[in-house]
Amino acid sequence: MIRELDSVVLTVDLPEHRLQKGDVGTVVLVHGERGYEVEFVALDGATVAVVSLGAGQVRPIAPGEIPHARPVAAA
């Protein structure tokens, strides 16, 4: 079960928000069973996007996973 303030992994590319499958975000609001409001931030703390996502567009972080750094495309 995904809850507010959980870290989640994006399961789809969202180029309109400069996000890629595998990006890690933080759940800031749960929309019941329908989905989540998720904030994605750069490693310097700058917000890249806050996006409403369906339950199938994110997943919990799995044991043994490691984050990966990448540059974010210009807006």
PDB file of N, CA and C in Angstrom:
ATOM      1  N   MET A   1       0.839  -1.185   0.000  1.00  0.00           N
ATOM      2  CA  MET A   1       0.000   0.000   0.000  1.00  0.00           C
ATOM      3  C   MET A   1       0.883   1.247   0.000  1.00  0.00           C
ATOM      4  N   ILE A   2       0.624   2.132  -0.911  1.00  0.00           N
ATOM      5  CA  ILE A   2       1.385   3.383  -1.006  1.00  0.00           C
ATOM      6  C   ILE A   2       0.676   4.450  -0.181  1.00  0.00           C
ATOM      7  N   ARG A   3       1.453   5.157   0.634  1.00  0.00           N
ATOM      8  CA  ARG A   3       0.908   6.190   1.517  1.00  0.00           C
ATOM      9  C   ARG A   3       1.576   7.531   1.246  1.00  0.00           C
ATOM     10  N   GLU A   4       0.990   8.591   1.817  1.00  0.00           N
ATOM     11  CA  GLU A   4       1.601   9.916   1.715  1.00  0.00           C
ATOM     12  C   GLU A   4       3.013   9.879   2.289  1.00  0.00           C
ATOM     13  N   LEU A   5       3.917  10.576   1.613  1.00  0.00           N
ATOM     14  CA  LEU A   5       5.341  10.711   1.930  1.00  0.00           C
ATOM     15  C   LEU A   5       6.165   9.481   1.565  1.00  0.00           C
ATOM     16  N   ASP A   6       5.544   8.449   0.976  1.00  0.00           N
ATOM     17  CA  ASP A   6       6.313   7.314   0.470  1.00  0.00           C
ATOM     18  C   ASP A   6       7.039   7.722  -0.807  1.00  0.00           C
ATOM     19  N   SER A   7       8.224   7.171  -0.995  1.00  0.00           N
ATOM     20  CA  SER A   7       8.915   7.307  -2.273  1.00  0.00           C
ATOM     21  C   SER A   7       8.362   6.255  -3.217  1.00  0.00           C
ATOM     22  N   VAL A   8       8.167   6.652  -4.478  1.00  0.00           N
ATOM     23  CA  VAL A   8       7.634   5.746  -5.493  1.00  0.00           C
ATOM     24  C   VAL A   8       8.457   5.873  -6.770  1.00  0.00           C
ATOM     25  N   VAL A   9       8.320   4.860  -7.622  1.00  0.00           N
ATOM     26  CA  VAL A   9       9.034   4.820  -8.897  1.00  0.00           C
ATOM     27  C   VAL A   9       8.027   4.996 -10.028  1.00  0.00           C
ATOM     28  N   LEU A  10       8.334   5.884 -10.949  1.00  0.00           N
ATOM     29  CA  LEU A  10       7.489   6.112 -12.120  1.00  0.00           C
ATOM     30  C   LEU A  10       7.608   4.914 -13.067  1.00  0.00           C
ATOM     31  N   THR A  11       6.483   4.421 -13.580  1.00  0.00           N
ATOM     32  CA  THR A  11       6.499   3.240 -14.453  1.00  0.00           C
ATOM     33  C   THR A  11       6.290   3.579 -15.926  1.00  0.00           C
ATOM     34  N   VAL A  12       6.153   4.857 -16.240  1.00  0.00           N
ATOM     35  CA  VAL A  12       5.942   5.314 -17.625  1.00  0.00           C
ATOM     36  C   VAL A  12       6.760   6.583 -17.862  1.00  0.00           C
ATOM     37  N   ASP A  13       7.081   6.856 -19.113  1.00  0.00           N
ATOM     38  CA  ASP A  13       7.698   8.136 -19.475  1.00  0.00           C
ATOM     39  C   ASP A  13       6.618   9.211 -19.507  1.00  0.00           C
ATOM     40  N   LEU A  14       6.944  10.408 -19.008  1.00  0.00           N
ATOM     41  CA  LEU A  14       6.054  11.567 -19.078  1.00  0.00           C
ATOM     42  C   LEU A  14       6.860  12.745 -19.631  1.00  0.00           C
ATOM     43  N   PRO A  15       7.153  12.734 -20.934  1.00  0.00           N
ATOM     44  CA  PRO A  15       8.008  13.779 -21.507  1.00  0.00           C
ATOM     45  C   PRO A  15       7.448  15.187 -21.343  1.00  0.00           C
ATOM     46  N   GLU A  16       6.123  15.329 -21.260  1.00  0.00           N
ATOM     47  CA  GLU A  16       5.537  16.658 -21.077  1.00  0.00           C
ATOM     48  C   GLU A  16       5.887  17.247 -19.714  1.00  0.00           C
ATOM     49  N   HIS A  17       6.353  16.397 -18.789  1.00  0.00           N
ATOM     50  CA  HIS A  17       6.776  16.849 -17.458  1.00  0.00           C
ATOM     51  C   HIS A  17       8.282  16.649 -17.237  1.00  0.00           C
ATOM     52  N   ARG A  18       8.997  16.282 -18.304  1.00  0.00           N
ATOM     53  CA  ARG A  18      10.445  16.024 -18.260  1.00  0.00           C
ATOM     54  C   ARG A  18      10.792  14.837 -17.357  1.00  0.00           C
ATOM     55  N   LEU A  19       9.894  13.869 -17.275  1.00  0.00           N
ATOM     56  CA  LEU A  19      10.086  12.698 -16.421  1.00  0.00           C
ATOM     57  C   LEU A  19      10.237  11.436 -17.264  1.00  0.00           C
ATOM     58  N   GLN A  20      11.045  10.502 -16.735  1.00  0.00           N
ATOM     59  CA  GLN A  20      11.286   9.237 -17.421  1.00  0.00           C
ATOM     60  C   GLN A  20      10.943   8.074 -16.505  1.00  0.00           C
ATOM     61  N   LYS A  21      10.565   6.961 -17.137  1.00  0.00           N
ATOM     62  CA  LYS A  21      10.324   5.724 -16.404  1.00  0.00           C
ATOM     63  C   LYS A  21      11.532   5.460 -15.501  1.00  0.00           C
ATOM     64  N   GLY A  22      11.269   5.145 -14.243  1.00  0.00           N
ATOM     65  CA  GLY A  22      12.337   4.893 -13.288  1.00  0.00           C
ATOM     66  C   GLY A  22      12.658   6.069 -12.381  1.00  0.00           C
ATOM     67  N   ASP A  23      12.169   7.271 -12.724  1.00  0.00           N
ATOM     68  CA  ASP A  23      12.396   8.428 -11.844  1.00  0.00           C
ATOM     69  C   ASP A  23      11.685   8.185 -10.504  1.00  0.00           C
ATOM     70  N   VAL A  24      12.297   8.693  -9.439  1.00  0.00           N
ATOM     71  CA  VAL A  24      11.767   8.499  -8.088  1.00  0.00           C
ATOM     72  C   VAL A  24      11.130   9.801  -7.609  1.00  0.00           C
ATOM     73  N   GLY A  25       9.925   9.694  -7.067  1.00  0.00           N
ATOM     74  CA  GLY A  25       9.217  10.850  -6.538  1.00  0.00           C
ATOM     75  C   GLY A  25       8.658  10.550  -5.164  1.00  0.00           C
ATOM     76  N   THR A  26       8.046  11.567  -4.559  1.00  0.00           N
ATOM     77  CA  THR A  26       7.445  11.442  -3.237  1.00  0.00           C
ATOM     78  C   THR A  26       5.950  11.707  -3.331  1.00  0.00           C
ATOM     79  N   VAL A  27       5.158  10.817  -2.773  1.00  0.00           N
ATOM     80  CA  VAL A  27       3.709  10.979  -2.757  1.00  0.00           C
ATOM     81  C   VAL A  27       3.355  12.106  -1.793  1.00  0.00           C
ATOM     82  N   VAL A  28       2.677  13.127  -2.298  1.00  0.00           N
ATOM     83  CA  VAL A  28       2.267  14.242  -1.445  1.00  0.00           C
ATOM     84  C   VAL A  28       0.772  14.210  -1.139  1.00  0.00           C
ATOM     85  N   LEU A  29       0.008  13.403  -1.890  1.00  0.00           N
ATOM     86  CA  LEU A  29      -1.427  13.270  -1.648  1.00  0.00           C
ATOM     87  C   LEU A  29      -1.901  11.956  -2.254  1.00  0.00           C
ATOM     88  N   VAL A  30      -2.718  11.226  -1.521  1.00  0.00           N
ATOM     89  CA  VAL A  30      -3.310   9.986  -2.017  1.00  0.00           C
ATOM     90  C   VAL A  30      -4.741  10.278  -2.445  1.00  0.00           C
ATOM     91  N   HIS A  31      -5.081   9.873  -3.666  1.00  0.00           N
ATOM     92  CA  HIS A  31      -6.441  10.040  -4.195  1.00  0.00           C
ATOM     93  C   HIS A  31      -7.199   8.716  -4.062  1.00  0.00           C
ATOM     94  N   GLY A  32      -7.330   8.216  -2.870  1.00  0.00           N
ATOM     95  CA  GLY A  32      -8.013   6.940  -2.652  1.00  0.00           C
ATOM     96  C   GLY A  32      -7.332   5.834  -3.420  1.00  0.00           C
ATOM     97  N   GLU A  33      -8.124   4.978  -4.059  1.00  0.00           N
ATOM     98  CA  GLU A  33      -7.590   3.871  -4.860  1.00  0.00           C
ATOM     99  C   GLU A  33      -7.229   4.319  -6.280  1.00  0.00           C
ATOM    100  N   ARG A  34      -7.604   5.544  -6.642  1.00  0.00           N
ATOM    101  CA  ARG A  34      -7.454   6.008  -8.020  1.00  0.00           C
ATOM    102  C   ARG A  34      -6.045   6.427  -8.378  1.00  0.00           C
ATOM    103  N   GLY A  35      -5.296   6.984  -7.436  1.00  0.00           N
ATOM    104  CA  GLY A  35      -3.967   7.441  -7.792  1.00  0.00           C
ATOM    105  C   GLY A  35      -3.366   8.353  -6.752  1.00  0.00           C
ATOM    106  N   TYR A  36      -2.390   9.148  -7.214  1.00  0.00           N
ATOM    107  CA  TYR A  36      -1.558   9.914  -6.299  1.00  0.00           C
ATOM    108  C   TYR A  36      -1.117  11.233  -6.914  1.00  0.00           C
ATOM    109  N   GLU A  37      -0.850  12.188  -6.054  1.00  0.00           N
ATOM    110  CA  GLU A  37      -0.154  13.420  -6.436  1.00  0.00           C
ATOM    111  C   GLU A  37       1.294  13.177  -6.017  1.00  0.00           C
ATOM    112  N   VAL A  38       2.218  13.267  -6.975  1.00  0.00           N
ATOM    113  CA  VAL A  38       3.609  12.916  -6.713  1.00  0.00           C
ATOM    114  C   VAL A  38       4.517  14.082  -7.096  1.00  0.00           C
ATOM    115  N   GLU A  39       5.442  14.417  -6.196  1.00  0.00           N
ATOM    116  CA  GLU A  39       6.425  15.469  -6.463  1.00  0.00           C
ATOM    117  C   GLU A  39       7.744  14.814  -6.849  1.00  0.00           C
ATOM    118  N   PHE A  40       8.320  15.304  -7.933  1.00  0.00           N
ATOM    119  CA  PHE A  40       9.631  14.852  -8.399  1.00  0.00           C
ATOM    120  C   PHE A  40      10.596  16.021  -8.256  1.00  0.00           C
ATOM    121  N   VAL A  41      11.731  15.787  -7.618  1.00  0.00           N
ATOM    122  CA  VAL A  41      12.700  16.854  -7.393  1.00  0.00           C
ATOM    123  C   VAL A  41      14.068  16.446  -7.929  1.00  0.00           C
ATOM    124  N   ALA A  42      14.845  17.454  -8.356  1.00  0.00           N
ATOM    125  CA  ALA A  42      16.229  17.233  -8.748  1.00  0.00           C
ATOM    126  C   ALA A  42      17.062  17.018  -7.483  1.00  0.00           C
ATOM    127  N   LEU A  43      18.253  16.510  -7.641  1.00  0.00           N
ATOM    128  CA  LEU A  43      19.106  16.239  -6.484  1.00  0.00           C
ATOM    129  C   LEU A  43      19.506  17.504  -5.738  1.00  0.00           C
ATOM    130  N   ASP A  44      19.380  18.677  -6.379  1.00  0.00           N
ATOM    131  CA  ASP A  44      19.681  19.942  -5.681  1.00  0.00           C
ATOM    132  C   ASP A  44      18.469  20.471  -4.919  1.00  0.00           C
ATOM    133  N   GLY A  45      17.353  19.718  -4.953  1.00  0.00           N
ATOM    134  CA  GLY A  45      16.157  20.100  -4.217  1.00  0.00           C
ATOM    135  C   GLY A  45      15.128  20.877  -5.011  1.00  0.00           C
ATOM    136  N   ALA A  46      15.457  21.271  -6.238  1.00  0.00           N
ATOM    137  CA  ALA A  46      14.511  22.014  -7.075  1.00  0.00           C
ATOM    138  C   ALA A  46      13.396  21.084  -7.557  1.00  0.00           C
ATOM    139  N   THR A  47      12.154  21.547  -7.445  1.00  0.00           N
ATOM    140  CA  THR A  47      11.027  20.756  -7.928  1.00  0.00           C
ATOM    141  C   THR A  47      11.040  20.710  -9.448  1.00  0.00           C
ATOM    142  N   VAL A  48      10.979  19.505  -9.999  1.00  0.00           N
ATOM    143  CA  VAL A  48      10.906  19.308 -11.447  1.00  0.00           C
ATOM    144  C   VAL A  48       9.447  19.299 -11.874  1.00  0.00           C
ATOM    145  N   ALA A  49       8.603  18.580 -11.118  1.00  0.00           N
ATOM    146  CA  ALA A  49       7.181  18.490 -11.458  1.00  0.00           C
ATOM    147  C   ALA A  49       6.397  17.959 -10.270  1.00  0.00           C
ATOM    148  N   VAL A  50       5.144  18.376 -10.192  1.00  0.00           N
ATOM    149  CA  VAL A  50       4.162  17.783  -9.292  1.00  0.00           C
ATOM    150  C   VAL A  50       3.047  17.302 -10.201  1.00  0.00           C
ATOM    151  N   VAL A  51       2.797  15.989 -10.195  1.00  0.00           N
ATOM    152  CA  VAL A  51       1.927  15.385 -11.200  1.00  0.00           C
ATOM    153  C   VAL A  51       0.884  14.493 -10.545  1.00  0.00           C
ATOM    154  N   SER A  52      -0.343  14.548 -11.051  1.00  0.00           N
ATOM    155  CA  SER A  52      -1.382  13.595 -10.655  1.00  0.00           C
ATOM    156  C   SER A  52      -1.205  12.342 -11.497  1.00  0.00           C
ATOM    157  N   LEU A  53      -1.050  11.204 -10.830  1.00  0.00           N
ATOM    158  CA  LEU A  53      -0.773   9.953 -11.531  1.00  0.00           C
ATOM    159  C   LEU A  53      -1.763   8.878 -11.122  1.00  0.00           C
ATOM    160  N   GLY A  54      -2.125   8.038 -12.091  1.00  0.00           N
ATOM    161  CA  GLY A  54      -2.962   6.891 -11.792  1.00  0.00           C
ATOM    162  C   GLY A  54      -2.176   5.837 -11.044  1.00  0.00           C
ATOM    163  N   ALA A  55      -2.894   4.956 -10.368  1.00  0.00           N
ATOM    164  CA  ALA A  55      -2.245   3.920  -9.567  1.00  0.00           C
ATOM    165  C   ALA A  55      -1.302   3.048 -10.395  1.00  0.00           C
ATOM    166  N   GLY A  56      -1.574   2.877 -11.674  1.00  0.00           N
ATOM    167  CA  GLY A  56      -0.724   2.053 -12.534  1.00  0.00           C
ATOM    168  C   GLY A  56       0.503   2.771 -13.070  1.00  0.00           C
ATOM    169  N   GLN A  57       0.651   4.049 -12.770  1.00  0.00           N
ATOM    170  CA  GLN A  57       1.787   4.809 -13.280  1.00  0.00           C
ATOM    171  C   GLN A  57       2.945   4.911 -12.297  1.00  0.00           C
ATOM    172  N   VAL A  58       2.749   4.430 -11.087  1.00  0.00           N
ATOM    173  CA  VAL A  58       3.814   4.405 -10.087  1.00  0.00           C
ATOM    174  C   VAL A  58       3.786   3.067  -9.364  1.00  0.00           C
ATOM    175  N   ARG A  59       4.903   2.748  -8.731  1.00  0.00           N
ATOM    176  CA  ARG A  59       4.984   1.532  -7.924  1.00  0.00           C
ATOM    177  C   ARG A  59       5.865   1.820  -6.718  1.00  0.00           C
ATOM    178  N   PRO A  60       5.740   1.004  -5.680  1.00  0.00           N
ATOM    179  CA  PRO A  60       6.637   1.183  -4.532  1.00  0.00           C
ATOM    180  C   PRO A  60       8.072   0.852  -4.914  1.00  0.00           C
ATOM    181  N   ILE A  61       9.012   1.378  -4.168  1.00  0.00           N
ATOM    182  CA  ILE A  61      10.416   1.013  -4.351  1.00  0.00           C
ATOM    183  C   ILE A  61      10.600  -0.419  -3.869  1.00  0.00           C
ATOM    184  N   ALA A  62      11.312  -1.222  -4.651  1.00  0.00           N
ATOM    185  CA  ALA A  62      11.546  -2.621  -4.302  1.00  0.00           C
ATOM    186  C   ALA A  62      12.867  -2.765  -3.534  1.00  0.00           C
ATOM    187  N   PRO A  63      12.969  -3.763  -2.686  1.00  0.00           N
ATOM    188  CA  PRO A  63      14.225  -4.000  -1.973  1.00  0.00           C
ATOM    189  C   PRO A  63      15.377  -4.208  -2.960  1.00  0.00           C
ATOM    190  N   GLY A  64      16.524  -3.649  -2.641  1.00  0.00           N
ATOM    191  CA  GLY A  64      17.710  -3.833  -3.464  1.00  0.00           C
ATOM    192  C   GLY A  64      17.843  -2.890  -4.644  1.00  0.00           C
ATOM    193  N   GLU A  65      16.911  -1.945  -4.804  1.00  0.00           N
ATOM    194  CA  GLU A  65      17.013  -0.982  -5.903  1.00  0.00           C
ATOM    195  C   GLU A  65      17.903   0.188  -5.492  1.00  0.00           C
ATOM    196  N   ILE A  66      18.490   0.827  -6.489  1.00  0.00           N
ATOM    197  CA  ILE A  66      19.361   1.974  -6.262  1.00  0.00           C
ATOM    198  C   ILE A  66      18.931   3.112  -7.190  1.00  0.00           C
ATOM    199  N   PRO A  67      18.903   4.359  -6.719  1.00  0.00           N
ATOM    200  CA  PRO A  67      18.530   5.467  -7.624  1.00  0.00           C
ATOM    201  C   PRO A  67      19.660   5.744  -8.631  1.00  0.00           C
ATOM    202  N   HIS A  68      19.317   6.410  -9.694  1.00  0.00           N
ATOM    203  CA  HIS A  68      20.261   6.724 -10.760  1.00  0.00           C
ATOM    204  C   HIS A  68      20.134   8.216 -11.092  1.00  0.00           C
ATOM    205  N   ALA A  69      21.255   8.909 -11.193  1.00  0.00           N
ATOM    206  CA  ALA A  69      21.219  10.341 -11.528  1.00  0.00           C
ATOM    207  C   ALA A  69      21.239  10.526 -13.038  1.00  0.00           C
ATOM    208  N   ARG A  70      20.481  11.537 -13.511  1.00  0.00           N
ATOM    209  CA  ARG A  70      20.463  11.934 -14.921  1.00  0.00           C
ATOM    210  C   ARG A  70      20.135  13.406 -14.998  1.00  0.00           C
ATOM    211  N   PRO A  71      20.610  14.093 -16.034  1.00  0.00           N
ATOM    212  CA  PRO A  71      20.230  15.506 -16.189  1.00  0.00           C
ATOM    213  C   PRO A  71      18.771  15.596 -16.623  1.00  0.00           C
ATOM    214  N   VAL A  72      18.093  16.656 -16.168  1.00  0.00           N
ATOM    215  CA  VAL A  72      16.708  16.896 -16.543  1.00  0.00           C
ATOM    216  C   VAL A  72      16.707  17.833 -17.744  1.00  0.00           C
ATOM    217  N   ALA A  73      15.946  17.497 -18.748  1.00  0.00           N
ATOM    218  CA  ALA A  73      15.852  18.332 -19.935  1.00  0.00           C
ATOM    219  C   ALA A  73      15.345  19.711 -19.574  1.00  0.00           C
ATOM    220  N   ALA A  74      15.795  20.722 -20.292  1.00  0.00           N
ATOM    221  CA  ALA A  74      15.329  22.088 -20.058  1.00  0.00           C
ATOM    222  C   ALA A  74      13.833  22.190 -20.312  1.00  0.00           C
ATOM    223  N   ALA A  75      13.172  23.053 -19.570  1.00  0.00           N
ATOM    224  CA  ALA A  75      11.723  23.229 -19.717  1.00  0.00           C
ATOM    225  C   ALA A  75      11.382  23.935 -20.998  1.00  0.00           C
TER     226      ALA A  75
END
